[in-house]
C-alpha atoms as a PDB file:
ATOM      1  CA  MET A   1      -2.533  11.086   0.053  1.00  0.00           C
ATOM      2  CA  PRO A   2      -2.990  14.449   1.747  1.00  0.00           C
ATOM      3  CA  ILE A   3      -1.640  17.744   0.469  1.00  0.00           C
ATOM      4  CA  TYR A   4       0.399  19.622   3.082  1.00  0.00           C
ATOM      5  CA  GLU A   5       1.009  23.366   2.980  1.00  0.00           C
ATOM      6  CA  TYR A   6       4.324  24.876   4.065  1.00  0.00           C
ATOM      7  CA  ARG A   7       5.517  28.455   4.478  1.00  0.00           C
ATOM      8  CA  ALA A   8       8.861  30.048   5.378  1.00  0.00           C
ATOM      9  CA  SER A   9       9.322  30.459   9.122  1.00  0.00           C
ATOM     10  CA  ASN A  10      11.645  33.443   8.585  1.00  0.00           C
ATOM     11  CA  ILE A  11      10.666  35.707   5.688  1.00  0.00           C
ATOM     12  CA  ALA A  12      14.102  37.401   5.681  1.00  0.00           C
ATOM     13  CA  GLN A  13      15.822  34.109   4.779  1.00  0.00           C
ATOM     14  CA  SER A  14      13.219  32.833   2.307  1.00  0.00           C
ATOM     15  CA  CYS A  15      12.978  32.581  -1.455  1.00  0.00           C
ATOM     16  CA  SER A  16       9.949  33.387  -3.609  1.00  0.00           C
ATOM     17  CA  HIS A  17       8.964  29.698  -3.493  1.00  0.00           C
ATOM     18  CA  CYS A  18       8.588  29.408   0.279  1.00  0.00           C
ATOM     19  CA  GLU A  19       7.756  33.042   1.113  1.00  0.00           C
ATOM     20  CA  SER A  20       4.238  32.802  -0.287  1.00  0.00           C
ATOM     21  CA  GLY A  21       3.874  29.142   0.632  1.00  0.00           C
ATOM     22  CA  PHE A  22       3.912  25.890  -1.294  1.00  0.00           C
ATOM     23  CA  GLU A  23       2.118  22.539  -1.259  1.00  0.00           C
ATOM     24  CA  VAL A  24       3.519  19.020  -0.989  1.00  0.00           C
ATOM     25  CA  LEU A  25       1.671  15.797  -1.772  1.00  0.00           C
ATOM     26  CA  ALA A  26       2.952  13.278   0.778  1.00  0.00           C
ATOM     27  CA  LYS A  27       1.957  10.164   2.672  1.00  0.00           C
ATOM     28  CA  ILE A  28       0.730  10.588   6.227  1.00  0.00           C
ATOM     29  CA  SER A  29       3.675   8.483   7.382  1.00  0.00           C
ATOM     30  CA  ASP A  30       6.240  10.740   5.623  1.00  0.00           C
ATOM     31  CA  ALA A  31       8.311  13.030   7.833  1.00  0.00           C
ATOM     32  CA  GLU A  32       7.331  16.685   7.997  1.00  0.00           C
ATOM     33  CA  LEU A  33       9.527  19.009   5.903  1.00  0.00           C
ATOM     34  CA  SER A  34      11.879  21.241   7.869  1.00  0.00           C
ATOM     35  CA  ALA A  35      13.509  23.100   4.961  1.00  0.00           C
ATOM     36  CA  CYS A  36      12.453  24.584   1.645  1.00  0.00           C
ATOM     37  CA  PRO A  37      13.332  22.258  -1.258  1.00  0.00           C
ATOM     38  CA  VAL A  38      14.530  25.260  -3.308  1.00  0.00           C
ATOM     39  CA  CYS A  39      16.560  27.442  -0.895  1.00  0.00           C
ATOM     40  CA  ALA A  40      16.872  25.192   2.203  1.00  0.00           C
ATOM     41  CA  SER A  41      15.574  27.907   4.563  1.00  0.00           C
ATOM     42  CA  PRO A  42      13.463  26.705   7.524  1.00  0.00           C
ATOM     43  CA  VAL A  43       9.750  26.120   6.851  1.00  0.00           C
ATOM     44  CA  VAL A  44       6.718  25.354   9.009  1.00  0.00           C
ATOM     45  CA  ARG A  45       3.643  23.363   8.112  1.00  0.00           C
ATOM     46  CA  VAL A  46       0.489  25.462   7.913  1.00  0.00           C
ATOM     47  CA  ILE A  47      -2.830  24.135   9.179  1.00  0.00           C
ATOM     48  CA  SER A  48      -5.434  24.640   6.485  1.00  0.00           C
ATOM     49  CA  LYS A  49      -9.031  23.693   5.841  1.00  0.00           C
ATOM     50  CA  VAL A  50      -9.867  20.163   4.797  1.00  0.00           C
ATOM     51  CA  SER A  51     -11.487  19.390   1.478  1.00  0.00           C
ATOM     52  CA  VAL A  52     -13.682  16.309   1.503  1.00  0.00           C
ATOM     53  CA  VAL A  53     -15.087  14.872  -1.692  1.00  0.00           C
ATOM     54  CA  GLY A  54     -18.101  12.592  -1.493  1.00  0.00           C
ATOM     55  CA  GLY A  55     -18.477   9.902  -4.069  1.00  0.00           C
ATOM     56  CA  ASN A  56     -22.207   9.280  -3.695  1.00  0.00           C
ATOM     57  CA  ALA A  57     -23.678  12.365  -5.374  1.00  0.00           C
ATOM     58  CA  HIS A  58     -25.044  10.136  -8.148  1.00  0.00           C
ATOM     59  CA  LEU A  59     -27.351   8.450  -5.601  1.00  0.00           C
ATOM     60  CA  LEU A  60     -29.463  11.613  -5.352  1.00  0.00           C
ATOM     61  CA  LYS A  61     -30.113  11.974  -9.074  1.00  0.00           C
ATOM     62  CA  GLU A  62     -33.629  11.346 -10.324  1.00  0.00           C
ATOM     63  CA  ASN A  63     -32.693   8.601 -12.774  1.00  0.00           C
ATOM     64  CA  HIS A  64     -31.065   6.656  -9.916  1.00  0.00           C
ATOM     65  CA  PHE A  65     -34.400   6.543  -8.034  1.00  0.00           C
ATOM     66  CA  ALA A  66     -36.459   5.693 -11.103  1.00  0.00           C
ATOM     67  CA  SER A  67     -34.146   2.900 -12.270  1.00  0.00           C
ATOM     68  CA  ARG A  68     -34.573   1.160  -8.907  1.00  0.00           C
ATOM     69  CA  GLY A  69     -38.349   1.363  -8.868  1.00  0.00           C
ATOM     70  CA  PHE A  70     -38.728   4.310  -6.477  1.00  0.00           C
ATOM     71  CA  THR A  71     -40.796   7.435  -6.957  1.00  0.00           C
ATOM     72  CA  GLN A  72     -39.385  10.768  -5.831  1.00  0.00           C
ATOM     73  CA  TYR A  73     -41.454  13.845  -5.013  1.00  0.00           C
ATOM     74  CA  LYS A  74     -40.474  17.410  -4.158  1.00  0.00           C
ATOM     75  CA  LYS A  75     -42.595  19.841  -2.204  1.00  0.00           C
ATOM     76  CA  VAL A  76     -43.986  22.637  -4.352  1.00  0.00           C
ATOM     77  CA  GLY A  77     -45.887  24.398  -1.560  1.00  0.00           C
ATOM     78  CA  GLY A  78     -49.141  24.289   0.370  1.00  0.00           C
ATOM     79  CA  GLY A  79     -48.872  20.586   1.148  1.00  0.00           C
ATOM     80  CA  VAL A  80     -48.594  19.678  -2.544  1.00  0.00           C
ATOM     81  CA  TYR A  81     -45.777  17.465  -3.849  1.00  0.00           C
ATOM     82  CA  GLU A  82     -44.751  17.094  -7.501  1.00  0.00           C
ATOM     83  CA  LYS A  83     -43.253  13.900  -8.928  1.00  0.00           C
ATOM     84  CA  THR A  84     -39.638  14.281 -10.108  1.00  0.00           C
ATOM     85  CA  ALA A  85     -38.834  10.642 -10.853  1.00  0.00           C
ATOM     86  CA  GLY A  86     -40.426   7.219 -11.115  1.00  0.00           C
ATOM     87  CA  ASP A  87     -43.971   5.953 -11.563  1.00  0.00           C
ATOM     88  CA  GLY A  88     -46.996   7.263  -9.728  1.00  0.00           C
ATOM     89  CA  PRO A  89     -49.347  10.222  -9.757  1.00  0.00           C
ATOM     90  CA  ARG A  90     -47.911  13.509 -10.991  1.00  0.00           C
ATOM     91  CA  TYR A  91     -49.021  15.386  -7.851  1.00  0.00           C
ATOM     92  CA  ILE A  92     -49.922  14.315  -4.334  1.00  0.00           C
ATOM     93  CA  SER A  93     -51.231  16.462  -1.504  1.00  0.00           C
ATOM     94  CA  ASP A  94     -51.482  16.057   2.237  1.00  0.00           C
ATOM     95  CA  ASP A  95     -55.274  16.616   2.190  1.00  0.00           C
ATOM     96  CA  GLY A  96     -55.879  13.338   0.328  1.00  0.00           C
ATOM     97  CA  LYS A  97     -56.922  14.848  -3.030  1.00  0.00           C
END
């Protein structure tokens, strides 16, 4: 469920709760609030940035590669790559050495 932000539409008629803004956890299908739940003064929904959380960060960890039989290398410079996970040579280079 998304978190919606609301703020008083008229500061002169607001309370401390809605003057600085407040958040509401609600379903997308729920109606938009029109009044502060504390003082009943008019409020407006504020457009804010979205926070997206990815659940696949574990797929990039070295032990994930190694446990599935892959070898992972990272570039250390000058065309040389160092092994970070899995089986295989410790270093490889683009000149074939």
